[in-house]
Amino acid sequence: MRRYLIGLVVGLPALTIVACQEQNPTAVDDRLLPAEPITIEIEIPWEDFASNLAVYGGYGVPAEIGTGVLAKDFGGTLDARTLVRFAGYPVVEQVRDSTGTSRPDSSLTFIGGRLVAFFDTIASTNEGPVTLGLGATQAAWDLRTVSWTNAVDTLNDERPWDEPGAGPVADFGTTIWDPAAGDSAWFVLDSAQVASWSDTTDASQGARIELLTPGERIQVLNVALRLDTRPSVNPDTLIVVTAAREGITFVYDPLPLPPPDGIRIGGVPAWRTILDLTLPNELNGPAELCAVVDCPISLQPFQVNYAAIVLKSRKGEVAFTPTDTVALDLRPVLAREALPKSPLGESLIGLTGRRVGPEAFDEQAGTDIEIPLTEFARNLLGSTEDGAAPPINTLALLSIFEPVSIAFASFHGPGDENAPVLKLIITIGRSVELP
């Protein structure tokens, strides 16, 4: 072992013998009691615990997230537009007639409406008003495979957009969203515009929302289509109904390239980082440990109180920098030979994951992020016993939900002073000499 970092040394409470008022001739000589054990923190460098680092992408598609993204020249590179497709309009609505009696009406006349977009003010970068544009898509597109360049990209069927970025569109106007005024904005629609989205058999049916103000990235939480209708049973009354949404997705350009170095987690399609982990069977340092025990010493599972991979955060591509908390996960890779499609084991962290604030990838880049794996480390040490099955020692670093956001988390990889380390807190009994 080299480059060990000694942390807090905490001994177990010393055993204290309280004397009675009279001396007990059978009392144990405290010099024969075992010396209290030593608890020590060790950091093992990358090259002594990890190998075979690899980053894989392509997990999931934007439509699985259920939200949208808008961007225009964000970070000097990123453009993104949100696409929405609607299901059938309501065909029956309970309406009060002229006598005040509520009864179903199946003859609804849609005379206009509003498309309402709801935004995540925390995950969005803009602090002031921005201008948004709305249009109706004109070419058939596939919800799961649509991209900035292709309207359809299924097996044996690849159809590019006439204009990259889901264009061209029929212009439905613009609106202003000011986060100081609320978390939503709407576009007013006339009867012809509403009618253009009513045919669910038309594969070109859909709305495209774009950001016209440059330099921002906006998170779209939801899009709703509110329809103004005049019922036949009471034509003097105007009621508002909501059209069901079939799906929401987004397209963006450019797609991030695989990282030349370092660790990447998250994004859409999502990225995973894979590594092989080993643990030392014996310790021959640091000097503070060997001063109180006979080195080298065998490292046993029960001696490991805590184990964690410590990653150092870094600034990634500006266009894909997180603006909200990210949740990291760590899972065993059950079949390394099947990567990148290998099944994964249960989370080593838990349902909520290791949550990291967005500042760690911006102004606080260089923050140490600990990802615990204590039980995994103990099991790995125990697997070296005779007759034990070959251990699973390949791990996947990924986001707790996948995919969850266009942004991804970046960390330093091996090769420099910021490389990940393995943190161990162990308790070892001191050497005992007979008098």
Protein backbone atom coordinates (compact mmCIF):
# COMPACT_ATOMS: atom_id res chain seq x y z
CA MET A 1 0.00 0.00 0.00
CA ARG A 2 1.16 3.50 -0.68
CA ARG A 3 -0.12 6.99 -0.17
CA TYR A 4 -2.22 6.10 2.84
CA LEU A 5 -4.00 8.94 4.54
CA ILE A 6 -4.51 8.54 8.24
CA GLY A 7 -7.75 9.88 9.61
CA LEU A 8 -9.26 9.91 13.05
CA VAL A 9 -7.93 7.18 15.33
CA VAL A 10 -10.56 6.11 17.80
CA GLY A 11 -9.86 3.43 20.35
CA LEU A 12 -12.57 1.42 22.03
CA PRO A 13 -13.26 2.53 25.62
CA ALA A 14 -10.63 1.24 27.99
CA LEU A 15 -11.79 -1.38 30.43
CA THR A 16 -11.78 0.12 33.89
CA ILE A 17 -11.68 -1.90 37.10
CA VAL A 18 -13.21 -0.10 40.05
CA ALA A 19 -11.64 -1.10 43.40
CA CYS A 20 -13.82 -1.91 46.36
CA GLN A 21 -13.12 -0.53 49.80
CA GLU A 22 -11.27 -3.77 50.61
CA GLN A 23 -8.64 -5.28 48.38
CA ASN A 24 -9.72 -8.38 46.47
CA PRO A 25 -6.88 -10.93 46.42
CA THR A 26 -8.38 -12.55 43.32
CA ALA A 27 -8.49 -9.34 41.22
CA VAL A 28 -7.07 -9.58 37.68
CA ASP A 29 -3.80 -7.78 37.02
CA ASP A 30 -4.72 -5.08 34.47
CA ARG A 31 -1.35 -5.59 32.81
CA LEU A 32 -2.66 -8.96 31.54
CA LEU A 33 -5.72 -7.42 29.83
CA PRO A 34 -5.55 -7.16 26.00
CA ALA A 35 -4.63 -3.71 24.73
CA GLU A 36 -7.57 -1.82 23.30
CA PRO A 37 -7.97 -2.13 19.50
CA ILE A 38 -7.08 0.63 17.06
CA THR A 39 -9.56 2.18 14.63
CA ILE A 40 -8.03 3.85 11.64
CA GLU A 41 -9.09 5.51 8.37
CA ILE A 42 -7.20 4.58 5.21
CA GLU A 43 -7.45 5.89 1.64
CA ILE A 44 -6.30 3.44 -1.00
CA PRO A 45 -5.29 4.94 -4.37
CA TRP A 46 -7.06 4.01 -7.61
CA GLU A 47 -4.35 1.75 -9.00
CA ASP A 48 -4.46 -0.39 -5.85
CA PHE A 49 -8.20 -1.05 -5.80
CA ALA A 50 -9.77 -0.41 -9.24
CA SER A 51 -9.24 -1.27 -12.90
CA ASN A 52 -10.94 -1.58 -16.31
CA LEU A 53 -12.82 1.73 -16.20
CA ALA A 54 -15.32 2.09 -19.06
CA VAL A 55 -18.15 4.55 -19.84
CA TYR A 56 -21.22 3.32 -21.73
CA GLY A 57 -24.08 5.42 -23.11
CA GLY A 58 -27.40 4.82 -24.81
CA TYR A 59 -29.69 3.84 -21.92
CA GLY A 60 -33.25 5.09 -22.42
CA VAL A 61 -34.82 7.79 -24.59
CA PRO A 62 -36.17 11.30 -23.81
CA ALA A 63 -39.81 10.16 -24.09
CA GLU A 64 -39.34 7.99 -20.98
CA ILE A 65 -38.68 11.02 -18.77
CA GLY A 66 -42.15 12.49 -19.26
CA THR A 67 -40.92 16.09 -19.35
CA GLY A 68 -39.49 18.48 -21.93
CA VAL A 69 -36.46 20.72 -22.42
CA LEU A 70 -36.09 24.04 -24.22
CA ALA A 71 -32.74 25.59 -25.09
CA LYS A 72 -31.31 28.05 -27.57
CA ASP A 73 -27.55 28.35 -27.90
CA PHE A 74 -27.19 27.41 -24.23
CA GLY A 75 -23.54 27.18 -23.28
CA GLY A 76 -22.78 28.32 -26.80
CA THR A 77 -23.81 24.94 -28.23
CA LEU A 78 -27.10 23.43 -27.07
CA ASP A 79 -30.46 23.76 -28.85
CA ALA A 80 -33.51 21.82 -27.63
CA ARG A 81 -37.21 21.75 -28.50
CA THR A 82 -40.16 20.00 -26.86
CA LEU A 83 -42.67 17.90 -28.81
CA VAL A 84 -46.16 17.02 -27.54
CA ARG A 85 -48.79 14.76 -29.05
CA PHE A 86 -52.43 14.78 -27.91
CA ALA A 87 -54.94 11.95 -27.62
CA GLY A 88 -58.57 12.29 -28.65
CA TYR A 89 -60.61 15.29 -27.55
CA PRO A 90 -63.47 14.73 -25.06
CA VAL A 91 -66.61 13.53 -26.86
CA VAL A 92 -69.07 13.71 -23.96
CA GLU A 93 -69.27 16.26 -21.17
CA GLN A 94 -71.74 16.79 -18.34
CA VAL A 95 -73.46 20.14 -18.98
CA ARG A 96 -76.23 22.02 -17.20
CA ASP A 97 -79.09 22.81 -19.56
CA SER A 98 -81.31 25.90 -19.45
CA THR A 99 -83.36 24.39 -16.60
CA GLY A 100 -80.27 23.79 -14.46
CA THR A 101 -80.32 20.02 -14.94
CA SER A 102 -76.95 18.35 -15.53
CA ARG A 103 -76.93 15.88 -18.43
CA PRO A 104 -74.42 14.45 -20.91
CA ASP A 105 -73.80 16.34 -24.14
CA SER A 106 -72.08 14.57 -27.04
CA SER A 107 -72.35 17.44 -29.50
CA LEU A 108 -69.50 19.68 -28.42
CA THR A 109 -68.23 22.51 -30.63
CA PHE A 110 -64.62 23.50 -29.96
CA ILE A 111 -64.21 27.21 -30.63
CA GLY A 112 -60.69 27.80 -29.29
CA GLY A 113 -58.41 27.09 -26.39
CA ARG A 114 -55.01 27.47 -24.81
CA LEU A 115 -51.89 25.38 -24.76
CA VAL A 116 -50.43 25.74 -21.25
CA ALA A 117 -46.78 24.91 -20.47
CA PHE A 118 -45.61 24.39 -16.88
CA PHE A 119 -41.95 24.91 -15.98
CA ASP A 120 -39.50 23.88 -13.27
CA THR A 121 -38.23 27.23 -12.04
CA ILE A 122 -35.37 25.63 -10.07
CA ALA A 123 -33.99 23.48 -12.89
CA SER A 124 -34.38 26.28 -15.47
CA THR A 125 -31.51 28.73 -15.91
CA ASN A 126 -33.42 31.91 -16.76
CA GLU A 127 -34.05 34.51 -14.10
CA GLY A 128 -35.96 36.92 -16.34
CA PRO A 129 -38.57 36.80 -19.12
CA VAL A 130 -38.00 34.64 -22.19
CA THR A 131 -39.91 34.34 -25.46
CA LEU A 132 -41.39 31.01 -26.52
CA GLY A 133 -42.70 29.92 -29.91
CA LEU A 134 -45.40 27.36 -30.72
CA GLY A 135 -45.99 25.49 -33.96
CA ALA A 136 -47.81 22.43 -35.32
CA THR A 137 -45.61 19.67 -36.73
CA GLN A 138 -46.12 18.89 -40.41
CA ALA A 139 -44.39 15.52 -40.87
CA ALA A 140 -45.13 12.11 -39.34
CA TRP A 141 -42.93 11.46 -36.30
CA ASP A 142 -42.40 8.66 -33.80
CA LEU A 143 -42.60 9.52 -30.10
CA ARG A 144 -39.85 7.12 -28.93
CA THR A 145 -37.29 7.49 -31.71
CA VAL A 146 -37.67 11.10 -32.82
CA SER A 147 -34.46 13.12 -32.71
CA TRP A 148 -33.14 16.50 -33.86
CA THR A 149 -32.37 15.12 -37.32
CA ASN A 150 -34.85 12.25 -37.71
CA ALA A 151 -38.62 12.27 -37.40
CA VAL A 152 -38.64 8.46 -37.39
CA ASP A 153 -35.68 6.22 -36.63
CA THR A 154 -37.12 2.73 -36.18
CA LEU A 155 -35.86 -0.57 -37.56
CA ASN A 156 -35.75 -0.36 -41.37
CA ASP A 157 -37.48 3.03 -41.30
CA GLU A 158 -35.37 6.18 -41.05
CA ARG A 159 -37.00 9.44 -42.09
CA PRO A 160 -35.22 12.77 -41.56
CA TRP A 161 -37.02 16.02 -40.85
CA ASP A 162 -37.25 18.43 -43.78
CA GLU A 163 -35.64 20.90 -41.39
CA PRO A 164 -33.48 19.71 -38.48
CA GLY A 165 -35.09 20.37 -35.12
CA ALA A 166 -38.57 18.98 -35.90
CA GLY A 167 -39.38 21.38 -38.70
CA PRO A 168 -40.92 22.97 -40.53
CA VAL A 169 -44.00 23.82 -38.43
CA ALA A 170 -47.19 25.80 -38.93
CA ASP A 171 -46.68 28.94 -36.83
CA PHE A 172 -49.13 29.19 -33.92
CA GLY A 173 -47.62 32.32 -32.37
CA THR A 174 -45.42 33.32 -29.46
CA THR A 175 -45.75 34.06 -25.76
CA ILE A 176 -43.64 35.38 -22.87
CA TRP A 177 -42.76 33.40 -19.76
CA ASP A 178 -41.58 35.41 -16.76
CA PRO A 179 -40.63 33.17 -13.79
CA ALA A 180 -41.32 36.10 -11.45
CA ALA A 181 -44.98 35.95 -12.51
CA GLY A 182 -45.47 32.20 -12.06
CA ASP A 183 -44.41 28.78 -13.26
CA SER A 184 -46.56 28.61 -16.41
CA ALA A 185 -47.23 30.33 -19.72
CA TRP A 186 -49.88 29.80 -22.36
CA PHE A 187 -50.52 30.23 -26.06
CA VAL A 188 -54.00 31.33 -27.18
CA LEU A 189 -55.44 29.13 -29.96
CA ASP A 190 -58.27 29.73 -32.43
CA SER A 191 -60.77 27.12 -33.64
CA ALA A 192 -58.73 26.16 -36.73
CA GLN A 193 -55.59 25.62 -34.67
CA VAL A 194 -57.51 23.48 -32.18
CA ALA A 195 -59.03 21.45 -35.02
CA SER A 196 -55.56 20.67 -36.46
CA TRP A 197 -54.74 18.51 -33.41
CA SER A 198 -58.05 16.64 -33.19
CA ASP A 199 -57.25 13.80 -35.62
CA THR A 200 -55.51 11.08 -33.62
CA THR A 201 -54.94 8.96 -36.76
CA ASP A 202 -52.68 11.63 -38.25
CA ALA A 203 -49.06 10.65 -37.46
CA SER A 204 -47.93 14.23 -38.12
CA GLN A 205 -50.18 15.61 -35.36
CA GLY A 206 -48.27 17.38 -32.62
CA ALA A 207 -47.08 20.63 -31.07
CA ARG A 208 -43.52 21.91 -31.09
CA ILE A 209 -42.47 24.41 -28.43
CA GLU A 210 -39.20 26.27 -28.86
CA LEU A 211 -37.20 28.88 -26.99
CA LEU A 212 -36.50 32.05 -28.96
CA THR A 213 -34.38 33.81 -26.32
CA PRO A 214 -30.73 32.69 -26.60
CA GLY A 215 -28.46 31.59 -23.80
CA GLU A 216 -30.95 29.72 -21.58
CA ARG A 217 -32.07 26.16 -20.83
CA ILE A 218 -35.60 25.59 -19.50
CA GLN A 219 -37.14 22.48 -17.94
CA VAL A 220 -40.72 21.82 -19.07
CA LEU A 221 -42.64 19.85 -16.43
CA ASN A 222 -45.95 19.44 -18.27
CA VAL A 223 -47.99 20.65 -21.21
CA ALA A 224 -51.82 20.76 -21.18
CA LEU A 225 -54.32 21.57 -23.92
CA ARG A 226 -57.37 23.40 -22.54
CA LEU A 227 -60.30 23.58 -24.98
CA ASP A 228 -63.13 26.11 -25.03
CA THR A 229 -66.32 24.39 -26.11
CA ARG A 230 -69.91 25.46 -26.69
CA PRO A 231 -72.32 22.66 -25.68
CA SER A 232 -75.45 21.97 -27.75
CA VAL A 233 -77.75 21.67 -24.73
CA ASN A 234 -76.87 25.16 -23.58
CA PRO A 235 -75.21 27.14 -26.42
CA ASP A 236 -75.10 30.31 -24.33
CA THR A 237 -72.63 28.61 -21.95
CA LEU A 238 -68.88 28.26 -22.52
CA ILE A 239 -67.15 25.37 -20.78
CA VAL A 240 -63.48 24.38 -20.63
CA VAL A 241 -62.33 20.79 -21.06
CA THR A 242 -58.83 19.29 -21.15
CA ALA A 243 -57.56 17.10 -23.96
CA ALA A 244 -55.63 14.01 -22.91
CA ARG A 245 -51.91 13.99 -23.70
CA GLU A 246 -50.52 11.00 -25.57
CA GLY A 247 -46.90 11.78 -24.89
CA ILE A 248 -44.17 14.37 -24.47
CA THR A 249 -40.51 14.28 -25.52
CA PHE A 250 -37.73 16.59 -26.63
CA VAL A 251 -35.07 16.71 -29.30
CA TYR A 252 -31.69 18.37 -28.94
CA ASP A 253 -28.43 19.08 -30.69
CA PRO A 254 -25.59 18.32 -30.37
CA LEU A 255 -25.51 14.92 -28.70
CA PRO A 256 -22.62 14.70 -26.20
CA LEU A 257 -19.65 12.58 -27.23
CA PRO A 258 -18.24 9.86 -24.96
CA PRO A 259 -15.81 11.39 -22.43
CA PRO A 260 -12.13 11.00 -23.38
CA ASP A 261 -11.37 10.54 -19.68
CA GLY A 262 -13.16 10.74 -16.38
CA ILE A 263 -16.44 9.39 -15.05
CA ARG A 264 -19.90 10.31 -16.39
CA ILE A 265 -23.27 9.45 -14.84
CA GLY A 266 -26.79 10.29 -16.05
CA GLY A 267 -28.05 12.26 -19.03
CA VAL A 268 -30.40 11.05 -21.79
CA PRO A 269 -29.72 8.65 -23.33
CA ALA A 270 -28.11 7.85 -19.98
CA TRP A 271 -24.44 7.17 -19.26
CA ARG A 272 -23.03 4.53 -16.90
CA THR A 273 -19.47 4.13 -15.65
CA ILE A 274 -18.18 0.59 -15.07
CA LEU A 275 -15.17 -0.47 -13.00
CA ASP A 276 -13.68 -3.58 -11.41
CA LEU A 277 -12.95 -3.37 -7.68
CA THR A 278 -10.52 -5.38 -5.57
CA LEU A 279 -9.64 -5.23 -1.87
CA PRO A 280 -6.25 -5.96 -0.30
CA ASN A 281 -6.10 -9.23 1.64
CA GLU A 282 -3.42 -7.81 3.90
CA LEU A 283 -2.13 -4.45 5.02
CA ASN A 284 1.53 -3.51 5.28
CA GLY A 285 1.03 0.05 6.37
CA PRO A 286 0.64 2.86 7.10
CA ALA A 287 3.42 3.41 9.62
CA GLU A 288 1.00 4.43 12.37
CA LEU A 289 -0.77 1.09 12.06
CA CYS A 290 2.44 -0.96 11.95
CA ALA A 291 3.68 0.84 15.07
CA VAL A 292 1.02 -0.88 17.18
CA VAL A 293 0.44 -4.15 15.31
CA ASP A 294 2.72 -6.61 13.56
CA CYS A 295 2.66 -5.86 9.81
CA PRO A 296 1.73 -7.24 7.43
CA ILE A 297 -1.67 -8.11 8.88
CA SER A 298 -4.54 -9.99 7.29
CA LEU A 299 -7.66 -7.89 6.58
CA GLN A 300 -10.86 -9.66 7.63
CA PRO A 301 -14.48 -8.74 6.73
CA PHE A 302 -15.46 -8.09 10.36
CA GLN A 303 -12.66 -5.51 10.66
CA VAL A 304 -14.25 -3.24 8.02
CA ASN A 305 -16.51 -0.68 9.70
CA TYR A 306 -17.07 1.44 6.60
CA ALA A 307 -16.06 1.41 2.94
CA ALA A 308 -16.78 3.94 0.19
CA ILE A 309 -15.58 5.04 -3.22
CA VAL A 310 -14.70 8.73 -3.03
CA LEU A 311 -15.20 10.62 -6.29
CA LYS A 312 -14.06 14.19 -6.94
CA SER A 313 -16.62 16.24 -8.88
CA ARG A 314 -15.61 18.22 -11.93
CA LYS A 315 -17.09 20.72 -14.35
CA GLY A 316 -18.36 18.96 -17.44
CA GLU A 317 -19.77 20.39 -20.64
CA VAL A 318 -21.56 23.64 -19.85
CA ALA A 319 -24.58 22.69 -21.97
CA PHE A 320 -25.21 19.58 -19.86
CA THR A 321 -24.25 20.85 -16.39
CA PRO A 322 -26.84 19.89 -13.73
CA THR A 323 -29.05 22.70 -12.46
CA ASP A 324 -30.86 20.52 -9.93
CA THR A 325 -29.92 17.80 -7.44
CA VAL A 326 -28.70 14.54 -8.98
CA ALA A 327 -29.12 11.14 -7.31
CA LEU A 328 -26.31 8.64 -7.87
CA ASP A 329 -26.60 4.86 -7.62
CA LEU A 330 -24.11 2.00 -7.34
CA ARG A 331 -25.02 -1.54 -8.43
CA PRO A 332 -23.14 -4.80 -9.04
CA VAL A 333 -22.80 -5.87 -12.68
CA LEU A 334 -24.08 -9.45 -12.82
CA ALA A 335 -22.59 -10.42 -16.19
CA ARG A 336 -19.63 -8.32 -17.24
CA GLU A 337 -19.28 -10.20 -20.53
CA ALA A 338 -22.77 -8.98 -21.51
CA LEU A 339 -21.94 -5.27 -21.20
CA PRO A 340 -23.30 -2.79 -22.13
CA LYS A 341 -26.56 -4.75 -21.71
CA SER A 342 -25.63 -6.69 -18.59
CA PRO A 343 -28.31 -7.00 -15.90
CA LEU A 344 -27.53 -5.20 -12.65
CA GLY A 345 -27.97 -6.28 -9.05
CA GLU A 346 -29.77 -4.42 -6.30
CA SER A 347 -28.64 -0.95 -5.29
CA LEU A 348 -25.81 -0.78 -2.77
CA ILE A 349 -27.02 2.64 -1.62
CA GLY A 350 -30.80 2.48 -1.24
CA LEU A 351 -33.92 3.88 -2.84
CA THR A 352 -32.97 7.56 -2.57
CA GLY A 353 -29.41 7.16 -3.86
CA ARG A 354 -26.49 9.45 -3.08
CA ARG A 355 -27.91 12.94 -3.61
CA VAL A 356 -25.52 15.63 -4.84
CA GLY A 357 -26.37 19.32 -5.28
CA PRO A 358 -25.76 21.01 -8.66
CA GLU A 359 -23.14 23.36 -7.15
CA ALA A 360 -20.72 20.41 -6.95
CA PHE A 361 -20.48 20.48 -10.75
CA ASP A 362 -20.15 24.25 -11.04
CA GLU A 363 -18.73 26.71 -8.52
CA GLN A 364 -17.88 23.92 -6.04
CA ALA A 365 -16.25 21.59 -8.54
CA GLY A 366 -13.64 19.46 -6.79
CA THR A 367 -16.00 18.36 -3.99
CA ASP A 368 -15.43 14.87 -2.57
CA ILE A 369 -18.50 12.67 -3.02
CA GLU A 370 -18.56 9.43 -1.01
CA ILE A 371 -20.54 6.47 -2.34
CA PRO A 372 -20.75 3.80 0.37
CA LEU A 373 -20.28 0.08 -0.35
CA THR A 374 -19.53 -1.40 3.07
CA GLU A 375 -21.45 -4.68 2.72
CA PHE A 376 -20.11 -5.21 -0.80
CA ALA A 377 -16.55 -4.76 0.50
CA ARG A 378 -17.11 -7.19 3.36
CA ASN A 379 -18.57 -9.79 1.01
CA LEU A 380 -15.66 -9.33 -1.37
CA LEU A 381 -13.18 -10.01 1.42
CA GLY A 382 -15.18 -13.01 2.64
CA SER A 383 -15.29 -14.55 -0.83
CA THR A 384 -11.57 -15.33 -0.65
CA GLU A 385 -12.24 -18.13 1.81
CA ASP A 386 -11.81 -21.72 0.65
CA GLY A 387 -14.80 -23.08 -1.21
CA ALA A 388 -16.39 -19.67 -1.76
CA ALA A 389 -17.97 -18.88 -5.14
CA PRO A 390 -16.09 -16.50 -7.43
CA PRO A 391 -17.01 -12.98 -6.30
CA ILE A 392 -18.81 -10.34 -8.35
CA ASN A 393 -16.38 -7.44 -8.34
CA THR A 394 -17.68 -5.31 -11.23
CA LEU A 395 -19.68 -2.21 -10.30
CA ALA A 396 -21.82 0.25 -12.26
CA LEU A 397 -22.12 3.92 -11.31
CA LEU A 398 -25.40 5.29 -12.68
CA SER A 399 -28.28 7.62 -11.85
CA ILE A 400 -30.94 6.37 -9.44
CA PHE A 401 -33.60 6.81 -12.15
CA GLU A 402 -32.52 6.28 -15.72
CA PRO A 403 -32.95 8.44 -17.72
CA VAL A 404 -34.02 11.41 -15.61
CA SER A 405 -32.55 14.59 -17.13
CA ILE A 406 -30.64 15.97 -20.10
CA ALA A 407 -27.87 16.95 -17.65
CA PHE A 408 -25.23 14.51 -16.42
CA ALA A 409 -22.77 14.38 -13.52
CA SER A 410 -19.01 14.46 -14.23
CA PHE A 411 -16.16 13.26 -12.01
CA HIS A 412 -12.40 12.99 -12.33
CA GLY A 413 -11.11 9.63 -13.49
CA PRO A 414 -7.82 7.83 -12.88
CA GLY A 415 -4.51 9.28 -13.96
CA ASP A 416 -3.98 12.34 -11.78
CA GLU A 417 -4.12 13.62 -8.22
CA ASN A 418 -7.93 13.88 -8.42
CA ALA A 419 -8.46 10.18 -9.14
CA PRO A 420 -11.07 8.27 -7.11
CA VAL A 421 -9.89 6.61 -3.90
CA LEU A 422 -11.25 3.80 -1.74
CA LYS A 423 -11.92 4.91 1.81
CA LEU A 424 -11.79 2.27 4.55
CA ILE A 425 -12.39 2.63 8.27
CA ILE A 426 -11.14 -0.51 9.97
CA THR A 427 -10.72 -1.72 13.55
CA ILE A 428 -7.80 -4.05 14.31
CA GLY A 429 -6.70 -5.56 17.61
CA ARG A 430 -3.26 -4.57 18.88
CA SER A 431 -0.49 -7.10 19.28
CA VAL A 432 -0.44 -8.76 22.72
CA GLU A 433 2.77 -9.91 24.39
CA LEU A 434 2.80 -12.29 27.34
CA PRO A 435 4.79 -11.06 30.34
